[in-house]
Amino acid sequence: MKVKIAFTTTDRIHINAHFGWAKEIDVYEISDEGYQFIETLKFEGELKEDGNEDKITPKLESLHDCTIVYVVAIGGSAAARLIKKGVTPVKAKSEEEKIEDVLNKLVKTLKGNPPPWLRKALQKNKPNFADEIENEAAV
């Protein structure tokens, strides 16, 4: 199983950007065999303006196929909107936490027994029985 994981970053090394203010979000694809960089999503405009909910709409749309987004901080309404889209926001331990370290831990975790929060986040990528029946009926 492969899933996409995103990271808010200012230097492409650390998870060090607030979700709403992030001008760049790096996206990786991971599986229990490893990870690879997919793309850097770039966002323009005045992103530090508090109360401007429209600034996160392009991010929500860009992250639609991600399972998890790692952030240094995120506002409550942005977190709720992500969760509603099926993307789990996760706070980094600090602005010094490295993207590569998190990716390596996730790969190792996927090889073993993922914790409940991660299993739940990964469930959105598995088709459920109703989806499988619907897909068969469409053939």
Protein backbone atom coordinates (compact mmCIF):
# COMPACT_ATOMS: atom_id res chain seq x y z
CA MET A 1 0.00 0.00 0.00
CA LYS A 2 1.29 3.43 -0.95
CA VAL A 3 0.11 6.65 0.66
CA LYS A 4 0.96 10.31 0.24
CA ILE A 5 2.30 12.28 3.20
CA ALA A 6 2.77 16.07 3.16
CA PHE A 7 5.04 18.36 5.21
CA THR A 8 4.84 22.13 5.74
CA THR A 9 8.37 23.45 5.38
CA THR A 10 10.41 26.57 4.72
CA ASP A 11 13.69 24.78 3.95
CA ARG A 12 12.60 21.36 2.57
CA ILE A 13 14.52 19.70 5.45
CA HIS A 14 12.50 20.48 8.60
CA ILE A 15 8.79 20.50 9.46
CA ASN A 16 8.91 24.17 10.39
CA ALA A 17 5.95 26.02 8.88
CA HIS A 18 2.47 26.87 10.18
CA PHE A 19 -0.14 25.28 7.90
CA GLY A 20 -1.91 28.54 7.08
CA TRP A 21 1.31 30.46 6.48
CA ALA A 22 3.18 27.76 4.55
CA LYS A 23 4.32 28.86 1.10
CA GLU A 24 5.62 25.33 0.36
CA ILE A 25 4.36 21.87 1.21
CA ASP A 26 6.50 18.88 0.22
CA VAL A 27 4.65 15.70 -0.74
CA TYR A 28 6.13 12.19 -0.51
CA GLU A 29 4.76 8.77 -1.30
CA ILE A 30 5.53 6.09 1.28
CA SER A 31 5.03 2.37 1.66
CA ASP A 32 6.54 -0.30 3.88
CA GLU A 33 9.36 -0.54 1.31
CA GLY A 34 10.47 3.11 1.47
CA TYR A 35 9.57 6.59 0.32
CA GLN A 36 10.10 8.94 -2.59
CA PHE A 37 9.66 12.66 -3.12
CA ILE A 38 6.68 13.49 -5.37
CA GLU A 39 6.39 17.29 -5.57
CA THR A 40 6.55 20.64 -3.82
CA LEU A 41 3.21 22.44 -3.70
CA LYS A 42 3.72 26.23 -3.84
CA PHE A 43 1.31 28.87 -2.55
CA GLU A 44 1.37 32.62 -3.19
CA GLY A 45 -0.20 35.68 -1.61
CA GLU A 46 -0.47 37.15 1.88
CA LEU A 47 -0.63 33.93 3.88
CA LYS A 48 -0.04 35.38 7.37
CA GLU A 49 -3.35 37.24 7.48
CA ASP A 50 -5.31 35.73 10.39
CA GLY A 51 -9.01 35.24 9.85
CA ASN A 52 -8.63 34.86 6.09
CA GLU A 53 -10.10 31.38 5.64
CA ASP A 54 -9.88 31.64 1.83
CA LYS A 55 -6.10 31.36 1.99
CA ILE A 56 -6.32 27.68 3.03
CA THR A 57 -8.79 26.61 0.35
CA PRO A 58 -6.08 26.06 -2.32
CA LYS A 59 -4.09 23.99 0.21
CA LEU A 60 -7.11 21.85 1.06
CA GLU A 61 -7.69 21.21 -2.64
CA SER A 62 -4.01 20.41 -3.29
CA LEU A 63 -3.83 17.92 -0.39
CA HIS A 64 -7.00 16.00 -1.32
CA ASP A 65 -5.10 12.77 -2.06
CA CYS A 66 -2.77 12.93 0.96
CA THR A 67 -3.34 10.79 4.05
CA ILE A 68 -1.40 12.89 6.57
CA VAL A 69 0.01 16.43 6.64
CA TYR A 70 2.71 17.24 9.19
CA VAL A 71 2.71 20.83 10.47
CA VAL A 72 4.46 22.84 13.18
CA ALA A 73 1.10 24.49 13.99
CA ILE A 74 -2.43 24.66 12.57
CA GLY A 75 -5.57 26.58 13.41
CA GLY A 76 -8.65 24.76 14.64
CA SER A 77 -10.85 25.52 11.65
CA ALA A 78 -8.11 24.52 9.17
CA ALA A 79 -7.59 21.24 11.06
CA ALA A 80 -11.33 20.54 11.02
CA ARG A 81 -11.53 21.25 7.28
CA LEU A 82 -8.59 18.91 6.60
CA ILE A 83 -10.14 16.12 8.66
CA LYS A 84 -13.44 16.58 6.83
CA LYS A 85 -11.52 15.99 3.57
CA GLY A 86 -9.99 12.81 5.02
CA VAL A 87 -6.52 14.26 5.67
CA THR A 88 -5.09 13.83 9.19
CA PRO A 89 -3.05 16.82 10.48
CA VAL A 90 -0.16 15.88 12.78
CA LYS A 91 1.89 18.37 14.80
CA ALA A 92 5.66 18.04 14.59
CA LYS A 93 7.56 17.69 17.87
CA SER A 94 9.43 20.92 17.10
CA GLU A 95 10.58 23.12 14.23
CA GLU A 96 13.82 21.12 14.30
CA GLU A 97 12.12 17.81 13.44
CA LYS A 98 13.44 16.57 10.09
CA ILE A 99 11.17 15.37 7.30
CA GLU A 100 13.57 12.51 6.54
CA ASP A 101 13.44 11.28 10.17
CA VAL A 102 9.63 11.20 10.15
CA LEU A 103 9.56 9.40 6.79
CA ASN A 104 12.01 6.75 8.04
CA LYS A 105 9.93 6.21 11.20
CA LEU A 106 6.72 5.92 9.17
CA VAL A 107 8.23 3.33 6.81
CA LYS A 108 9.45 1.31 9.81
CA THR A 109 6.03 1.63 11.46
CA LEU A 110 4.23 0.48 8.30
CA LYS A 111 6.38 -2.67 8.29
CA GLY A 112 5.22 -3.49 11.82
CA ASN A 113 2.01 -2.79 13.67
CA PRO A 114 0.92 0.85 13.13
CA PRO A 115 -0.68 2.64 16.11
CA PRO A 116 -4.49 3.09 16.02
CA TRP A 117 -4.37 6.72 14.77
CA LEU A 118 -2.20 5.72 11.82
CA ARG A 119 -4.30 2.65 11.00
CA LYS A 120 -7.39 4.89 10.98
CA ALA A 121 -5.67 7.44 8.71
CA LEU A 122 -4.62 4.66 6.33
CA GLN A 123 -8.13 3.15 6.21
CA LYS A 124 -9.34 5.91 3.88
CA ASN A 125 -7.11 4.44 1.16
CA LYS A 126 -8.52 0.93 1.45
CA PRO A 127 -11.70 0.28 -0.46
CA ASN A 128 -14.51 -0.93 1.77
CA PHE A 129 -16.89 -3.74 0.87
CA ALA A 130 -19.57 -1.34 -0.45
CA ASP A 131 -17.02 0.35 -2.74
CA GLU A 132 -15.87 -3.02 -4.09
CA ILE A 133 -19.46 -4.08 -4.86
CA GLU A 134 -20.11 -0.73 -6.57
CA ASN A 135 -16.93 -1.12 -8.67
CA GLU A 136 -17.91 -4.65 -9.72
CA ALA A 137 -21.41 -3.48 -10.64
CA ALA A 138 -19.91 -0.76 -12.84
CA VAL A 139 -17.93 -3.26 -14.92
